[in-house]
Amino acid sequence: MLMAHSAVLGKLVAEYETLAALHAEEGGAEVRQRLEDLAYSLCTATGTGDVDSALVAARHRLPGARVEDDSVLSA
């Protein structure tokens, strides 16, 4: 499976987390659509089926990720 470059993943994660922190899901249609688009892009780029799993997978691919820290991943 192709994986997105870590720079791309970093930008997607940062923008998704920013919009989520601002509660974009309660905002206007355009902002909600951007949040949904980011979630879809993260899932596609990481080969996962939900945004929470995508965020975990993306963070593990970012520079500085601690490979041994897999406490939120199932065995």
C-alpha atoms as a PDB file:
ATOM      1  CA  MET A   1       0.000   0.000   0.000  1.00  0.00           C
ATOM      2  CA  LEU A   2       1.221   3.488  -0.793  1.00  0.00           C
ATOM      3  CA  MET A   3       1.654   5.753   2.204  1.00  0.00           C
ATOM      4  CA  ALA A   4       1.590   9.527   2.137  1.00  0.00           C
ATOM      5  CA  HIS A   5       4.820  11.378   2.837  1.00  0.00           C
ATOM      6  CA  SER A   6       5.254  12.357   6.475  1.00  0.00           C
ATOM      7  CA  ALA A   7       5.154  16.066   5.551  1.00  0.00           C
ATOM      8  CA  VAL A   8       1.719  15.589   3.967  1.00  0.00           C
ATOM      9  CA  LEU A   9       0.500  13.577   6.947  1.00  0.00           C
ATOM     10  CA  GLY A  10       1.772  16.235   9.328  1.00  0.00           C
ATOM     11  CA  LYS A  11      -0.173  18.962   7.527  1.00  0.00           C
ATOM     12  CA  LEU A  12      -3.350  16.870   7.434  1.00  0.00           C
ATOM     13  CA  VAL A  13      -3.095  16.021  11.135  1.00  0.00           C
ATOM     14  CA  ALA A  14      -2.382  19.619  12.115  1.00  0.00           C
ATOM     15  CA  GLU A  15      -5.304  21.024  10.140  1.00  0.00           C
ATOM     16  CA  TYR A  16      -7.700  18.313  11.330  1.00  0.00           C
ATOM     17  CA  GLU A  17      -6.710  18.813  14.976  1.00  0.00           C
ATOM     18  CA  THR A  18      -7.052  22.599  14.641  1.00  0.00           C
ATOM     19  CA  LEU A  19     -10.549  22.378  13.187  1.00  0.00           C
ATOM     20  CA  ALA A  20     -11.569  19.719  15.710  1.00  0.00           C
ATOM     21  CA  ALA A  21     -10.293  21.865  18.588  1.00  0.00           C
ATOM     22  CA  LEU A  22     -12.362  24.767  17.263  1.00  0.00           C
ATOM     23  CA  HIS A  23     -15.425  22.491  17.138  1.00  0.00           C
ATOM     24  CA  ALA A  24     -15.728  22.929  13.376  1.00  0.00           C
ATOM     25  CA  GLU A  25     -18.381  20.205  13.281  1.00  0.00           C
ATOM     26  CA  GLU A  26     -20.705  22.787  14.821  1.00  0.00           C
ATOM     27  CA  GLY A  27     -19.730  25.484  12.306  1.00  0.00           C
ATOM     28  CA  GLY A  28     -20.923  26.368   8.844  1.00  0.00           C
ATOM     29  CA  ALA A  29     -21.365  23.904   6.013  1.00  0.00           C
ATOM     30  CA  GLU A  30     -18.064  24.831   4.344  1.00  0.00           C
ATOM     31  CA  VAL A  31     -16.041  24.265   7.525  1.00  0.00           C
ATOM     32  CA  ARG A  32     -17.830  20.999   8.314  1.00  0.00           C
ATOM     33  CA  GLN A  33     -17.129  19.809   4.774  1.00  0.00           C
ATOM     34  CA  ARG A  34     -13.425  20.653   5.162  1.00  0.00           C
ATOM     35  CA  LEU A  35     -13.299  18.621   8.402  1.00  0.00           C
ATOM     36  CA  GLU A  36     -14.961  15.677   6.638  1.00  0.00           C
ATOM     37  CA  ASP A  37     -12.555  16.008   3.699  1.00  0.00           C
ATOM     38  CA  LEU A  38      -9.577  15.984   6.048  1.00  0.00           C
ATOM     39  CA  ALA A  39     -10.897  12.914   7.864  1.00  0.00           C
ATOM     40  CA  TYR A  40     -11.374  11.126   4.528  1.00  0.00           C
ATOM     41  CA  SER A  41      -7.894  12.121   3.344  1.00  0.00           C
ATOM     42  CA  LEU A  42      -6.324  10.885   6.572  1.00  0.00           C
ATOM     43  CA  CYS A  43      -8.150   7.554   6.313  1.00  0.00           C
ATOM     44  CA  THR A  44      -7.139   7.153   2.681  1.00  0.00           C
ATOM     45  CA  ALA A  45      -3.519   8.129   3.300  1.00  0.00           C
ATOM     46  CA  THR A  46      -3.139   5.705   6.211  1.00  0.00           C
ATOM     47  CA  GLY A  47      -5.306   2.830   4.976  1.00  0.00           C
ATOM     48  CA  THR A  48      -7.647   3.012   7.943  1.00  0.00           C
ATOM     49  CA  GLY A  49     -11.414   3.067   8.249  1.00  0.00           C
ATOM     50  CA  ASP A  50     -12.015   5.781  10.834  1.00  0.00           C
ATOM     51  CA  VAL A  51     -10.432   9.086  11.675  1.00  0.00           C
ATOM     52  CA  ASP A  52      -9.259   8.082  15.165  1.00  0.00           C
ATOM     53  CA  SER A  53      -7.285   5.154  13.763  1.00  0.00           C
ATOM     54  CA  ALA A  54      -6.012   7.370  10.956  1.00  0.00           C
ATOM     55  CA  LEU A  55      -4.706   9.934  13.426  1.00  0.00           C
ATOM     56  CA  VAL A  56      -2.864   7.255  15.414  1.00  0.00           C
ATOM     57  CA  ALA A  57      -1.379   5.753  12.246  1.00  0.00           C
ATOM     58  CA  ALA A  58      -0.370   9.161  10.903  1.00  0.00           C
ATOM     59  CA  ARG A  59       1.271  10.206  14.169  1.00  0.00           C
ATOM     60  CA  HIS A  60       3.357   7.021  14.122  1.00  0.00           C
ATOM     61  CA  ARG A  61       4.717   8.036  10.712  1.00  0.00           C
ATOM     62  CA  LEU A  62       5.648  11.575  11.719  1.00  0.00           C
ATOM     63  CA  PRO A  63       9.254  12.500  12.468  1.00  0.00           C
ATOM     64  CA  GLY A  64      10.028  12.034  16.140  1.00  0.00           C
ATOM     65  CA  ALA A  65       7.369   9.381  16.683  1.00  0.00           C
ATOM     66  CA  ARG A  66       8.373   6.871  19.310  1.00  0.00           C
ATOM     67  CA  VAL A  67       8.060   3.496  17.658  1.00  0.00           C
ATOM     68  CA  GLU A  68       7.868   1.675  20.992  1.00  0.00           C
ATOM     69  CA  ASP A  69       4.841   3.719  22.110  1.00  0.00           C
ATOM     70  CA  ASP A  70       1.948   1.672  20.757  1.00  0.00           C
ATOM     71  CA  SER A  71      -0.266   1.834  23.820  1.00  0.00           C
ATOM     72  CA  VAL A  72      -3.335   2.844  21.812  1.00  0.00           C
ATOM     73  CA  LEU A  73      -2.882   0.216  19.114  1.00  0.00           C
ATOM     74  CA  SER A  74      -4.413  -3.221  19.500  1.00  0.00           C
ATOM     75  CA  ALA A  75      -2.175  -6.260  19.224  1.00  0.00           C
END
